[in-house]
Amino acid sequence: GEGERKMTEGRRCLGDLCNDSVTCFAAFLSLSERSVLMSTSKRYRNHLKKVMRLSLDLSMTEPPKVEKILCWASGNQVNGIRSIDLHGCPLDNISELLVNIIKRQGHLLQSINLAHCPAVDDDVISSLAKHAPNLTNITLFEAGKLGRECLHLLIKNCRHIESFDLRAQPAVNDATADLICEHLKTSLREILLVGTRVTVKGFVQISNTCPNLTKIGCIQLSGDTANVPPLASASLQDLQIAYCRSDMTVNFKQLPKLSFISCSCSVPMEFINWNDIGEHCTSLKQIMYIIDSGYGNSFLECLKKRADGLLHLSVGQFSDEHTGLLRSMVNLVQLRVNLVSAGVLQAAANLPKLQMLTLFGFASGFERIFTWLFCGIQNPFRSLTHLHVVLASEWEAVPVLLKACPKLRHLYFHPTLPPSNMKEIVESLPANQMETFTIADSLLLDDLREIVPLLKNMKHLTSLRLGRGPVPEDIILELVSNLPNLRILESQGYDFSSWTCHRSPDSDESRWLRHAPTKGFYEKDALKPSGGFLTLFKDVRDPIFGVDIP
């Protein structure tokens, strides 16, 4: 109709204006149920042949649509694909489709994201190694079961890699680290090695050898440290070494640009010298240090020295004796405290820039906390927009806490048992400004039906996740019909065989029911009712909860 004609004409004009660069093509692919590329005019398709830069952002897209677009891209209709994002694609034939594209256009490809693509195989990696020498960004997080030989070939041939995500690739080891230091020495800026077999030796070797490295991360590092030099990098900004089981040495005096350190562990890691961090790491802005025992004086002294510059802090337990220290962090934007006391809550409420708060429980003296919360309604968290609460009990404090957050827009509520006051909790939310709401665990069906009328009033809601229990279809359709901005509706515990596609009664847009790519989810057997998520999408992208909350 007229709308389609105007849309097509608008895209054609956009293409003319952009001349030789279309860098964000995903919007064109998600405007209607069918692929716009399949239906647009021949004149416009011909124009795409001249496009020199094209980005295919197909992350979390319906598999049939991904297959159509990849088939189109592997033909001769377009010649300038620079970026491919297939995060979470479950297609069994994804490797065959990708190999065809890479062979034709690999020389132009700069970025590829294959995270959570279980069917990706060695042929794809070998094709990248042979035909995509200009790659700068590669994400292989849980991308199939890749062999060491093809990964090593990729490192040898693609010498411009800047960002390398190798998480959950057990074929990666210290021999891989040797090749990285040899072939990616000057280009590498970020690398993640969580879930690999790299030891302390390889970790330190990469850190010390690559002069432009800004981020490196690994968990549960182990290995002999007898002949391993201290970790020292003048360029390193982000260091993630949680649960390290080795006596690695880190020279924090030689890490002048360090801005984020994550070193949580069940017991303190002796090689983390907080005195040196506080004295020499003057750029420090984020600390994640969650331990089971109490915090020593060296850590607290470090916080005092760096208090003005800290933006993000994650700790295990802060007691009332730490409130003065917390109040001095006037620029803090994000705070996570596993066990929070009344004094810490009060100090957090007085932080002028605090936007994100994560609580995993209340410390002893709950009555005092509850009393302060009632007072907190008069002295609220004035800037808090994101709240993440994980509780096994003491839910009566949640409604009062919510009323003390007048600017709240995002709530992640994780009750490990069904709360007895779910309706009161939802009633306490500022309905006219809520954008995302997640109930991450148990939710009784009776409680769900009781809160549906309240949820329908949240007209700005874009993301809604409703726990682990099944959600009846009548509730699904009622929420979809009454929440015009809803982009994702998600629950767990479904057999997806009976779900295909629903249309909102007042809209021509299709809203697809899909499953999120969780680890171990894509199996050859039929989907089990207890596996994965039911996800209702209005468009291509999957908006996760607000910003990154540790």
Protein backbone atom coordinates (compact mmCIF):
# COMPACT_ATOMS: atom_id res chain seq x y z
CA GLY A 1 0.00 0.00 0.00
CA GLU A 2 0.90 3.67 0.35
CA GLY A 3 2.95 3.02 3.48
CA GLU A 4 5.01 0.34 1.77
CA ARG A 5 5.60 2.62 -1.22
CA LYS A 6 6.82 5.46 1.00
CA MET A 7 9.03 3.07 2.98
CA THR A 8 10.63 1.72 -0.18
CA GLU A 9 11.16 5.22 -1.56
CA GLY A 10 12.66 6.33 1.75
CA ARG A 11 15.13 3.46 1.74
CA ARG A 12 16.09 4.25 -1.84
CA CYS A 13 16.73 7.89 -0.94
CA LEU A 14 18.73 6.80 2.10
CA GLY A 15 20.85 4.56 -0.11
CA ASP A 16 21.47 7.43 -2.54
CA LEU A 17 22.45 9.78 0.26
CA CYS A 18 24.78 7.23 1.87
CA ASN A 19 26.45 6.67 -1.51
CA ASP A 20 28.95 3.90 -0.79
CA SER A 21 28.24 3.06 2.85
CA VAL A 22 25.32 1.40 4.57
CA THR A 23 26.69 0.46 7.98
CA CYS A 24 23.51 -0.48 9.84
CA PHE A 25 21.34 -2.65 7.64
CA ALA A 26 19.50 -4.56 10.36
CA ALA A 27 16.68 -2.00 10.49
CA PHE A 28 15.80 -2.80 6.89
CA LEU A 29 15.57 -6.48 7.69
CA SER A 30 13.13 -6.22 10.57
CA LEU A 31 10.44 -3.81 9.42
CA SER A 32 7.94 -6.52 8.55
CA GLU A 33 7.31 -10.21 8.88
CA ARG A 34 8.91 -11.00 5.53
CA SER A 35 12.43 -10.00 4.62
CA VAL A 36 12.44 -6.53 3.12
CA LEU A 37 15.32 -7.62 0.92
CA MET A 38 13.14 -10.25 -0.66
CA SER A 39 10.35 -7.80 -1.49
CA THR A 40 12.04 -4.52 -2.23
CA SER A 41 12.29 -3.21 -5.77
CA LYS A 42 14.80 -4.46 -8.29
CA ARG A 43 16.18 -0.94 -8.60
CA TYR A 44 17.02 -0.87 -4.91
CA ARG A 45 18.55 -4.37 -4.95
CA ASN A 46 20.71 -3.29 -7.86
CA HIS A 47 21.81 -0.25 -5.86
CA LEU A 48 23.04 -2.58 -3.09
CA LYS A 49 25.53 -4.12 -5.51
CA LYS A 50 27.42 -0.83 -5.36
CA VAL A 51 27.39 -0.68 -1.56
CA MET A 52 30.92 -0.95 -0.20
CA ARG A 53 30.16 -1.31 3.52
CA LEU A 54 27.29 -3.45 4.79
CA SER A 55 26.61 -4.74 8.29
CA LEU A 56 24.37 -7.78 8.80
CA ASP A 57 23.21 -7.66 12.41
CA LEU A 58 21.17 -10.86 12.73
CA SER A 59 21.72 -11.60 16.41
CA MET A 60 18.69 -13.20 18.08
CA THR A 61 16.79 -13.27 14.76
CA GLU A 62 14.24 -15.90 13.76
CA PRO A 63 16.17 -18.83 12.20
CA PRO A 64 14.10 -18.93 8.94
CA LYS A 65 14.80 -15.27 8.33
CA VAL A 66 18.52 -15.71 9.08
CA GLU A 67 18.70 -18.51 6.53
CA LYS A 68 17.00 -16.41 3.84
CA ILE A 69 19.26 -13.43 4.41
CA LEU A 70 22.44 -15.51 4.48
CA CYS A 71 21.39 -17.23 1.24
CA TRP A 72 20.85 -13.81 -0.30
CA ALA A 73 24.18 -12.54 1.00
CA SER A 74 26.04 -15.55 -0.39
CA GLY A 75 24.85 -14.71 -3.91
CA ASN A 76 26.02 -11.93 -6.16
CA GLN A 77 23.49 -9.29 -5.08
CA VAL A 78 25.85 -7.50 -2.71
CA ASN A 79 29.60 -7.06 -2.60
CA GLY A 80 30.49 -5.21 0.58
CA ILE A 81 29.73 -7.16 3.76
CA ARG A 82 32.06 -5.83 6.46
CA SER A 83 30.34 -7.17 9.58
CA ILE A 84 28.27 -10.27 10.45
CA ASP A 85 26.59 -10.79 13.83
CA LEU A 86 24.93 -14.20 14.25
CA HIS A 87 24.86 -14.35 18.04
CA GLY A 88 22.59 -17.19 19.14
CA CYS A 89 21.86 -18.67 15.70
CA PRO A 90 20.72 -22.33 15.98
CA LEU A 91 20.74 -23.16 12.25
CA ASP A 92 22.21 -26.59 11.52
CA ASN A 93 23.49 -25.46 8.12
CA ILE A 94 25.01 -22.21 9.33
CA SER A 95 28.54 -23.38 8.53
CA GLU A 96 27.72 -24.09 4.88
CA LEU A 97 26.05 -20.68 4.46
CA LEU A 98 28.90 -18.83 6.14
CA VAL A 99 31.61 -20.58 4.13
CA ASN A 100 29.94 -19.45 0.88
CA ILE A 101 29.81 -15.84 2.07
CA ILE A 102 33.37 -15.87 3.39
CA LYS A 103 34.76 -17.30 0.16
CA ARG A 104 33.14 -14.51 -1.87
CA GLN A 105 33.53 -11.53 0.46
CA GLY A 106 35.97 -12.56 3.17
CA HIS A 107 38.59 -10.06 1.99
CA LEU A 108 36.24 -7.24 3.08
CA LEU A 109 35.08 -8.81 6.34
CA GLN A 110 36.26 -7.01 9.48
CA SER A 111 34.00 -8.30 12.26
CA ILE A 112 32.18 -11.57 12.94
CA ASN A 113 30.23 -12.67 16.02
CA LEU A 114 29.48 -16.41 16.28
CA ALA A 115 28.75 -16.55 20.02
CA HIS A 116 26.36 -19.35 21.03
CA CYS A 117 26.23 -20.79 17.50
CA PRO A 118 26.48 -24.52 18.28
CA ALA A 119 26.65 -25.68 14.65
CA VAL A 120 29.72 -23.63 13.72
CA ASP A 121 32.55 -25.99 12.79
CA ASP A 122 36.19 -25.96 11.76
CA ASP A 123 35.30 -25.25 8.12
CA VAL A 124 34.09 -21.76 9.04
CA ILE A 125 37.24 -20.95 10.99
CA SER A 126 39.46 -22.34 8.24
CA SER A 127 37.59 -20.24 5.67
CA LEU A 128 38.10 -17.15 7.78
CA ALA A 129 41.79 -17.96 8.03
CA LYS A 130 42.11 -18.35 4.24
CA HIS A 131 39.78 -15.63 2.95
CA ALA A 132 39.38 -12.98 5.69
CA PRO A 133 42.85 -11.57 6.43
CA ASN A 134 41.47 -8.17 7.48
CA LEU A 135 39.41 -9.39 10.46
CA THR A 136 39.72 -7.14 13.51
CA ASN A 137 36.93 -8.46 15.79
CA ILE A 138 36.17 -12.15 16.35
CA THR A 139 33.76 -13.59 18.92
CA LEU A 140 33.82 -17.38 19.32
CA PHE A 141 32.20 -17.65 22.76
CA GLU A 142 30.70 -21.18 22.88
CA ALA A 143 30.81 -21.35 19.08
CA GLY A 144 30.62 -25.09 18.46
CA LYS A 145 33.46 -27.48 19.23
CA LEU A 146 36.40 -25.95 17.42
CA GLY A 147 39.70 -27.71 16.86
CA ARG A 148 43.08 -26.34 17.84
CA GLU A 149 44.54 -26.60 14.33
CA CYS A 150 41.99 -24.31 12.68
CA LEU A 151 42.17 -21.80 15.54
CA HIS A 152 45.94 -21.65 15.22
CA LEU A 153 45.64 -21.18 11.45
CA LEU A 154 43.27 -18.28 12.08
CA ILE A 155 45.79 -16.59 14.37
CA LYS A 156 48.63 -17.06 11.88
CA ASN A 157 46.73 -15.64 8.91
CA CYS A 158 44.54 -12.91 10.45
CA ARG A 159 47.19 -10.61 11.86
CA HIS A 160 44.99 -7.55 12.41
CA ILE A 161 42.80 -8.99 15.18
CA GLU A 162 42.12 -6.39 17.86
CA SER A 163 39.32 -8.04 19.86
CA PHE A 164 39.43 -11.82 20.37
CA ASP A 165 36.75 -13.61 22.43
CA LEU A 166 37.80 -17.23 22.95
CA ARG A 167 35.65 -18.02 25.98
CA ALA A 168 34.57 -21.64 26.42
CA GLN A 169 37.01 -22.93 23.78
CA PRO A 170 38.88 -25.77 25.53
CA ALA A 171 41.18 -26.26 22.51
CA VAL A 172 42.90 -22.97 23.41
CA ASN A 173 46.03 -23.52 25.51
CA ASP A 174 49.51 -22.09 26.13
CA ALA A 175 50.58 -23.04 22.59
CA THR A 176 47.78 -20.75 21.39
CA ALA A 177 49.15 -18.01 23.64
CA ASP A 178 52.57 -18.43 22.00
CA LEU A 179 51.06 -17.89 18.55
CA ILE A 180 49.06 -14.88 19.74
CA CYS A 181 52.24 -13.26 21.02
CA GLU A 182 54.01 -14.01 17.76
CA HIS A 183 51.38 -12.98 15.22
CA LEU A 184 49.03 -10.56 17.06
CA LYS A 185 51.58 -8.79 19.19
CA THR A 186 50.95 -5.25 17.95
CA SER A 187 47.27 -5.51 16.94
CA LEU A 188 45.67 -7.22 19.95
CA ARG A 189 43.74 -4.94 22.33
CA GLU A 190 41.19 -7.20 24.03
CA ILE A 191 41.17 -10.94 24.73
CA LEU A 192 38.93 -13.15 26.89
CA LEU A 193 40.18 -16.61 27.86
CA VAL A 194 37.56 -17.80 30.36
CA GLY A 195 36.93 -21.53 29.97
CA THR A 196 40.14 -22.23 28.04
CA ARG A 197 43.19 -24.24 29.08
CA VAL A 198 45.55 -21.29 29.20
CA THR A 199 47.66 -21.36 32.37
CA VAL A 200 49.33 -18.56 34.30
CA LYS A 201 52.31 -18.81 31.96
CA GLY A 202 50.26 -18.09 28.83
CA PHE A 203 48.13 -15.45 30.57
CA VAL A 204 51.13 -13.44 31.75
CA GLN A 205 52.92 -13.93 28.43
CA ILE A 206 50.05 -12.33 26.50
CA SER A 207 49.70 -9.52 29.04
CA ASN A 208 53.39 -8.62 28.99
CA THR A 209 54.09 -9.17 25.28
CA CYS A 210 51.27 -7.25 23.59
CA PRO A 211 52.07 -3.52 24.00
CA ASN A 212 48.56 -2.30 23.04
CA LEU A 213 46.56 -4.74 25.17
CA THR A 214 43.86 -3.00 27.23
CA LYS A 215 41.70 -5.93 28.43
CA ILE A 216 42.40 -9.52 29.42
CA GLY A 217 40.27 -11.94 31.40
CA CYS A 218 40.48 -15.49 32.70
CA ILE A 219 38.98 -17.42 35.61
CA GLN A 220 40.53 -20.17 37.75
CA LEU A 221 44.05 -19.71 36.45
CA SER A 222 46.42 -22.43 37.54
CA GLY A 223 49.85 -23.79 36.64
CA ASP A 224 53.45 -23.62 37.77
CA THR A 225 54.71 -20.08 38.38
CA ALA A 226 58.38 -20.89 39.04
CA ASN A 227 59.70 -19.28 35.85
CA VAL A 228 56.81 -16.87 35.21
CA PRO A 229 57.71 -13.15 35.46
CA PRO A 230 55.41 -10.66 37.22
CA LEU A 231 52.46 -9.44 35.20
CA ALA A 232 53.23 -5.88 34.11
CA SER A 233 51.64 -3.95 31.24
CA ALA A 234 51.76 -0.22 30.70
CA SER A 235 48.63 -0.31 28.51
CA LEU A 236 46.37 -2.68 30.50
CA GLN A 237 43.08 -1.13 31.68
CA ASP A 238 40.82 -4.11 32.43
CA LEU A 239 42.15 -7.08 34.45
CA GLN A 240 39.85 -10.02 35.29
CA ILE A 241 41.48 -12.79 37.32
CA ALA A 242 38.74 -14.12 39.58
CA TYR A 243 39.19 -17.41 41.45
CA CYS A 244 42.86 -17.70 40.59
CA ARG A 245 44.38 -20.84 42.10
CA SER A 246 47.97 -19.89 41.51
CA ASP A 247 50.64 -17.79 43.16
CA MET A 248 50.87 -15.44 40.21
CA THR A 249 52.77 -12.19 40.73
CA VAL A 250 51.26 -8.91 39.55
CA ASN A 251 53.35 -5.75 39.60
CA PHE A 252 50.63 -3.14 40.09
CA LYS A 253 53.24 -0.40 40.04
CA GLN A 254 53.60 -1.19 36.33
CA LEU A 255 49.84 -0.96 35.62
CA PRO A 256 49.37 2.82 35.57
CA LYS A 257 46.26 2.73 33.32
CA LEU A 258 44.34 0.05 35.24
CA SER A 259 40.72 1.20 35.54
CA PHE A 260 38.84 -2.05 36.27
CA ILE A 261 39.90 -5.03 38.38
CA SER A 262 37.82 -8.15 39.05
CA CYS A 263 39.43 -10.51 41.54
CA SER A 264 36.60 -12.17 43.48
CA CYS A 265 37.41 -15.42 45.25
CA SER A 266 36.31 -17.61 48.14
CA VAL A 267 39.48 -16.57 49.95
CA PRO A 268 41.67 -13.49 49.36
CA MET A 269 44.32 -13.97 46.68
CA GLU A 270 47.60 -13.04 48.32
CA PHE A 271 49.19 -11.65 45.17
CA ILE A 272 46.60 -8.83 44.97
CA ASN A 273 48.50 -6.00 46.63
CA TRP A 274 45.84 -3.45 47.52
CA ASN A 275 48.41 -1.04 48.91
CA ASP A 276 50.12 -0.83 45.52
CA ILE A 277 46.76 -0.58 43.74
CA GLY A 278 45.69 2.33 45.91
CA GLU A 279 49.03 4.08 45.54
CA HIS A 280 49.86 3.57 41.86
CA CYS A 281 46.65 2.74 39.95
CA THR A 282 45.38 6.30 39.81
CA SER A 283 42.98 5.59 36.92
CA LEU A 284 41.01 2.97 38.89
CA LYS A 285 37.25 3.38 38.41
CA GLN A 286 35.74 -0.10 38.90
CA ILE A 287 36.41 -2.75 41.54
CA MET A 288 34.75 -6.15 41.82
CA TYR A 289 36.07 -7.91 44.92
CA ILE A 290 33.64 -10.37 46.50
CA ILE A 291 35.07 -12.72 49.11
CA ASP A 292 33.55 -14.89 51.82
CA SER A 293 35.69 -13.48 54.62
CA GLY A 294 35.97 -9.92 55.88
CA TYR A 295 37.95 -7.18 54.16
CA GLY A 296 41.43 -6.37 55.37
CA ASN A 297 42.78 -2.93 56.15
CA SER A 298 44.82 -2.77 52.92
CA PHE A 299 41.67 -3.06 50.78
CA LEU A 300 39.82 -0.45 52.83
CA GLU A 301 42.79 1.90 52.61
CA CYS A 302 42.83 1.42 48.86
CA LEU A 303 39.16 2.40 48.68
CA LYS A 304 39.88 5.54 50.71
CA LYS A 305 42.65 6.60 48.34
CA ARG A 306 40.59 5.95 45.22
CA ALA A 307 37.16 6.98 46.60
CA ASP A 308 36.75 10.12 44.48
CA GLY A 309 37.40 8.30 41.19
CA LEU A 310 35.38 5.12 41.75
CA LEU A 311 32.30 4.68 39.56
CA HIS A 312 31.49 0.98 40.16
CA LEU A 313 31.98 -1.07 43.31
CA SER A 314 31.01 -4.71 43.97
CA VAL A 315 31.72 -6.14 47.43
CA GLY A 316 30.54 -9.06 49.54
CA GLN A 317 29.46 -7.47 52.79
CA PHE A 318 29.74 -3.92 54.05
CA SER A 319 28.76 -3.28 57.64
CA ASP A 320 27.79 -0.06 59.41
CA GLU A 321 31.44 0.65 60.19
CA HIS A 322 32.04 1.16 56.45
CA THR A 323 29.33 3.80 55.95
CA GLY A 324 31.75 6.73 56.24
CA LEU A 325 33.93 5.21 53.54
CA LEU A 326 30.92 4.65 51.28
CA ARG A 327 29.69 8.22 51.73
CA SER A 328 33.04 9.50 50.45
CA MET A 329 32.47 7.81 47.05
CA VAL A 330 30.51 10.76 45.73
CA ASN A 331 30.87 9.77 42.06
CA LEU A 332 29.73 6.16 42.49
CA VAL A 333 27.22 5.14 39.78
CA GLN A 334 26.85 1.42 40.48
CA LEU A 335 26.98 -0.46 43.79
CA ARG A 336 26.63 -4.17 44.50
CA VAL A 337 26.58 -5.43 48.10
CA ASN A 338 25.85 -9.08 48.80
CA LEU A 339 24.71 -8.48 52.39
CA VAL A 340 23.61 -4.95 53.16
CA SER A 341 23.10 -3.31 56.55
CA ALA A 342 20.85 -0.38 57.47
CA GLY A 343 23.80 1.99 57.67
CA VAL A 344 25.07 0.98 54.22
CA LEU A 345 21.60 1.46 52.71
CA GLN A 346 21.37 4.90 54.25
CA ALA A 347 24.83 5.83 52.99
CA ALA A 348 23.94 4.57 49.49
CA ALA A 349 20.79 6.69 49.46
CA ASN A 350 22.93 9.77 50.03
CA LEU A 351 25.21 9.11 47.06
CA PRO A 352 24.22 11.82 44.57
CA LYS A 353 25.05 9.90 41.34
CA LEU A 354 24.08 6.34 42.28
CA GLN A 355 21.93 4.87 39.48
CA MET A 356 22.31 1.08 39.91
CA LEU A 357 22.01 -0.90 43.14
CA THR A 358 22.31 -4.69 43.55
CA LEU A 359 21.39 -6.40 46.82
CA PHE A 360 21.75 -10.12 47.54
CA GLY A 361 20.30 -10.06 51.04
CA PHE A 362 20.12 -8.15 54.29
CA ALA A 363 22.66 -8.41 57.08
CA SER A 364 21.74 -9.07 60.70
CA GLY A 365 19.52 -6.55 62.42
CA PHE A 366 16.75 -6.69 59.82
CA GLU A 367 14.31 -4.81 62.06
CA ARG A 368 16.61 -1.79 61.98
CA ILE A 369 16.82 -2.02 58.20
CA PHE A 370 13.06 -2.20 57.89
CA THR A 371 12.64 0.82 60.18
CA TRP A 372 15.15 2.83 58.18
CA LEU A 373 13.41 1.94 54.92
CA PHE A 374 10.19 3.49 56.17
CA CYS A 375 12.20 6.60 56.94
CA GLY A 376 13.85 6.25 53.55
CA ILE A 377 10.56 7.03 51.82
CA GLN A 378 11.05 10.56 53.14
CA ASN A 379 14.73 10.51 52.18
CA PRO A 380 14.70 8.37 49.00
CA PHE A 381 17.27 7.12 46.52
CA ARG A 382 16.88 10.21 44.36
CA SER A 383 18.91 9.11 41.33
CA LEU A 384 18.41 5.31 41.37
CA THR A 385 17.02 3.96 38.06
CA HIS A 386 18.13 0.29 38.19
CA LEU A 387 17.50 -2.06 41.12
CA HIS A 388 18.56 -5.72 41.30
CA VAL A 389 17.27 -7.62 44.36
CA VAL A 390 17.96 -11.29 45.16
CA LEU A 391 16.22 -12.55 48.31
CA ALA A 392 15.28 -15.86 49.92
CA SER A 393 13.06 -14.18 52.54
CA GLU A 394 12.31 -10.81 54.14
CA TRP A 395 10.23 -9.78 51.11
CA GLU A 396 8.24 -7.35 53.23
CA ALA A 397 11.14 -4.94 52.85
CA VAL A 398 10.89 -4.87 49.04
CA PRO A 399 7.73 -2.71 48.66
CA VAL A 400 9.14 -0.16 51.08
CA LEU A 401 12.45 -0.14 49.24
CA LEU A 402 10.66 0.38 45.92
CA LYS A 403 8.72 3.33 47.30
CA ALA A 404 12.06 4.87 48.26
CA CYS A 405 13.11 4.78 44.56
CA PRO A 406 10.92 7.41 42.84
CA LYS A 407 12.93 7.37 39.58
CA LEU A 408 13.09 3.59 39.19
CA ARG A 409 12.73 2.34 35.59
CA HIS A 410 14.34 -1.11 35.70
CA LEU A 411 13.73 -3.84 38.30
CA TYR A 412 15.33 -7.28 38.42
CA PHE A 413 13.64 -9.20 41.25
CA HIS A 414 14.98 -12.67 42.04
CA PRO A 415 13.06 -14.38 44.86
CA THR A 416 14.55 -17.83 45.40
CA LEU A 417 11.16 -18.86 46.87
CA PRO A 418 7.70 -17.59 45.87
CA PRO A 419 7.19 -14.29 47.74
CA SER A 420 4.08 -13.95 49.86
CA ASN A 421 3.46 -10.31 48.87
CA MET A 422 3.94 -10.26 45.09
CA LYS A 423 0.95 -8.01 44.45
CA GLU A 424 2.16 -5.47 47.02
CA ILE A 425 5.60 -5.48 45.41
CA VAL A 426 4.22 -4.73 41.93
CA GLU A 427 1.83 -2.09 43.32
CA SER A 428 4.85 -0.27 44.76
CA LEU A 429 6.44 0.20 41.33
CA PRO A 430 6.09 3.53 39.49
CA ALA A 431 3.93 2.07 36.72
CA ASN A 432 4.08 5.10 34.42
CA GLN A 433 7.88 4.95 34.07
CA MET A 434 8.84 1.26 34.24
CA GLU A 435 10.77 0.07 31.17
CA THR A 436 12.03 -3.40 32.16
CA PHE A 437 10.73 -5.77 34.81
CA THR A 438 12.20 -9.21 35.51
CA ILE A 439 11.00 -11.81 37.97
CA ALA A 440 13.86 -14.24 37.63
CA ASP A 441 12.64 -17.23 39.59
CA SER A 442 9.59 -18.67 41.27
CA LEU A 443 6.20 -17.12 40.50
CA LEU A 444 2.95 -18.89 41.40
CA LEU A 445 0.21 -18.88 38.77
CA ASP A 446 -2.30 -17.31 41.19
CA ASP A 447 0.18 -14.52 41.92
CA LEU A 448 0.72 -14.01 38.21
CA ARG A 449 -2.99 -13.62 37.50
CA GLU A 450 -3.22 -11.17 40.40
CA ILE A 451 -0.51 -8.88 39.03
CA VAL A 452 -1.55 -8.94 35.35
CA PRO A 453 -3.91 -5.91 35.76
CA LEU A 454 -1.03 -4.00 37.36
CA LEU A 455 1.39 -4.98 34.59
CA LYS A 456 -1.08 -3.77 31.95
CA ASN A 457 -0.72 -0.24 33.35
CA MET A 458 3.02 -0.16 32.59
CA LYS A 459 2.58 1.32 29.11
CA HIS A 460 6.29 2.11 28.68
CA LEU A 461 7.38 -1.44 29.43
CA THR A 462 9.69 -2.83 26.74
CA SER A 463 10.91 -6.02 28.45
CA LEU A 464 9.02 -8.35 30.77
CA ARG A 465 10.37 -11.65 32.15
CA LEU A 466 8.03 -13.77 34.22
CA GLY A 467 9.92 -16.40 36.18
CA ARG A 468 10.17 -20.14 35.70
CA GLY A 469 6.56 -21.24 35.80
CA PRO A 470 4.41 -21.65 32.68
CA VAL A 471 2.42 -18.61 31.55
CA PRO A 472 -1.00 -19.44 30.08
CA GLU A 473 -1.68 -18.27 26.54
CA ASP A 474 -4.58 -16.01 27.58
CA ILE A 475 -2.19 -14.05 29.83
CA ILE A 476 0.37 -13.82 27.02
CA LEU A 477 -2.19 -12.36 24.61
CA GLU A 478 -3.65 -10.03 27.23
CA LEU A 479 -0.24 -8.54 28.00
CA VAL A 480 0.70 -8.25 24.33
CA SER A 481 -2.57 -6.47 23.56
CA ASN A 482 -2.22 -3.92 26.35
CA LEU A 483 1.50 -3.12 26.32
CA PRO A 484 2.17 -1.23 23.07
CA ASN A 485 5.94 -0.85 23.60
CA LEU A 486 6.64 -4.42 24.67
CA ARG A 487 9.56 -5.87 22.72
CA ILE A 488 10.25 -9.01 24.72
CA LEU A 489 8.07 -11.22 26.89
CA GLU A 490 9.89 -14.16 28.38
CA SER A 491 9.27 -17.12 30.63
CA GLN A 492 10.81 -20.53 31.25
CA GLY A 493 9.52 -24.07 31.09
CA TYR A 494 7.81 -24.47 27.72
CA ASP A 495 7.33 -27.02 25.00
CA PHE A 496 7.75 -24.82 21.95
CA SER A 497 6.12 -27.22 19.49
CA SER A 498 2.71 -25.60 20.01
CA TRP A 499 3.94 -22.01 19.57
CA THR A 500 4.53 -20.32 16.25
CA CYS A 501 3.49 -16.72 15.83
CA HIS A 502 0.85 -14.43 17.31
CA ARG A 503 -0.40 -11.14 16.03
CA SER A 504 -1.40 -8.31 18.29
CA PRO A 505 -5.13 -7.59 17.72
CA ASP A 506 -4.50 -3.89 17.14
CA SER A 507 -1.40 -4.23 14.96
CA ASP A 508 -0.25 -5.85 11.73
CA GLU A 509 3.16 -6.55 13.22
CA SER A 510 4.08 -10.13 13.93
CA ARG A 511 5.49 -10.93 17.31
CA TRP A 512 7.57 -14.04 17.28
CA LEU A 513 7.84 -16.58 20.07
CA ARG A 514 11.43 -17.73 20.30
CA HIS A 515 13.90 -19.25 22.69
CA ALA A 516 17.02 -17.61 24.05
CA PRO A 517 20.37 -19.32 23.36
CA THR A 518 21.33 -20.71 26.73
CA LYS A 519 24.27 -23.02 27.24
CA GLY A 520 23.51 -26.60 26.29
CA PHE A 521 20.08 -25.62 25.01
CA TYR A 522 20.32 -26.57 21.37
CA GLU A 523 20.27 -30.35 21.35
CA LYS A 524 19.28 -32.69 18.56
CA ASP A 525 16.45 -34.10 20.67
CA ALA A 526 13.12 -32.33 20.96
CA LEU A 527 12.98 -29.34 23.27
CA LYS A 528 12.00 -30.35 26.77
CA PRO A 529 9.35 -28.42 28.74
CA SER A 530 11.98 -27.63 31.37
CA GLY A 531 14.57 -26.29 28.94
CA GLY A 532 15.33 -22.78 27.79
CA PHE A 533 13.05 -19.80 27.60
CA LEU A 534 9.87 -18.84 25.89
CA THR A 535 10.56 -15.44 24.39
CA LEU A 536 8.12 -13.15 22.64
CA PHE A 537 9.82 -10.69 20.31
CA LYS A 538 8.49 -7.68 18.50
CA ASP A 539 11.71 -6.96 16.62
CA VAL A 540 15.17 -8.33 15.92
CA ARG A 541 17.09 -7.21 18.97
CA ASP A 542 16.97 -8.71 22.43
CA PRO A 543 17.21 -5.86 24.95
CA ILE A 544 18.87 -7.29 28.05
CA PHE A 545 18.17 -5.84 31.45
CA GLY A 546 19.32 -2.23 31.41
CA VAL A 547 23.07 -2.06 31.72
CA ASP A 548 25.61 -4.61 32.85
CA ILE A 549 25.07 -5.40 36.53
CA PRO A 550 27.68 -7.82 37.91
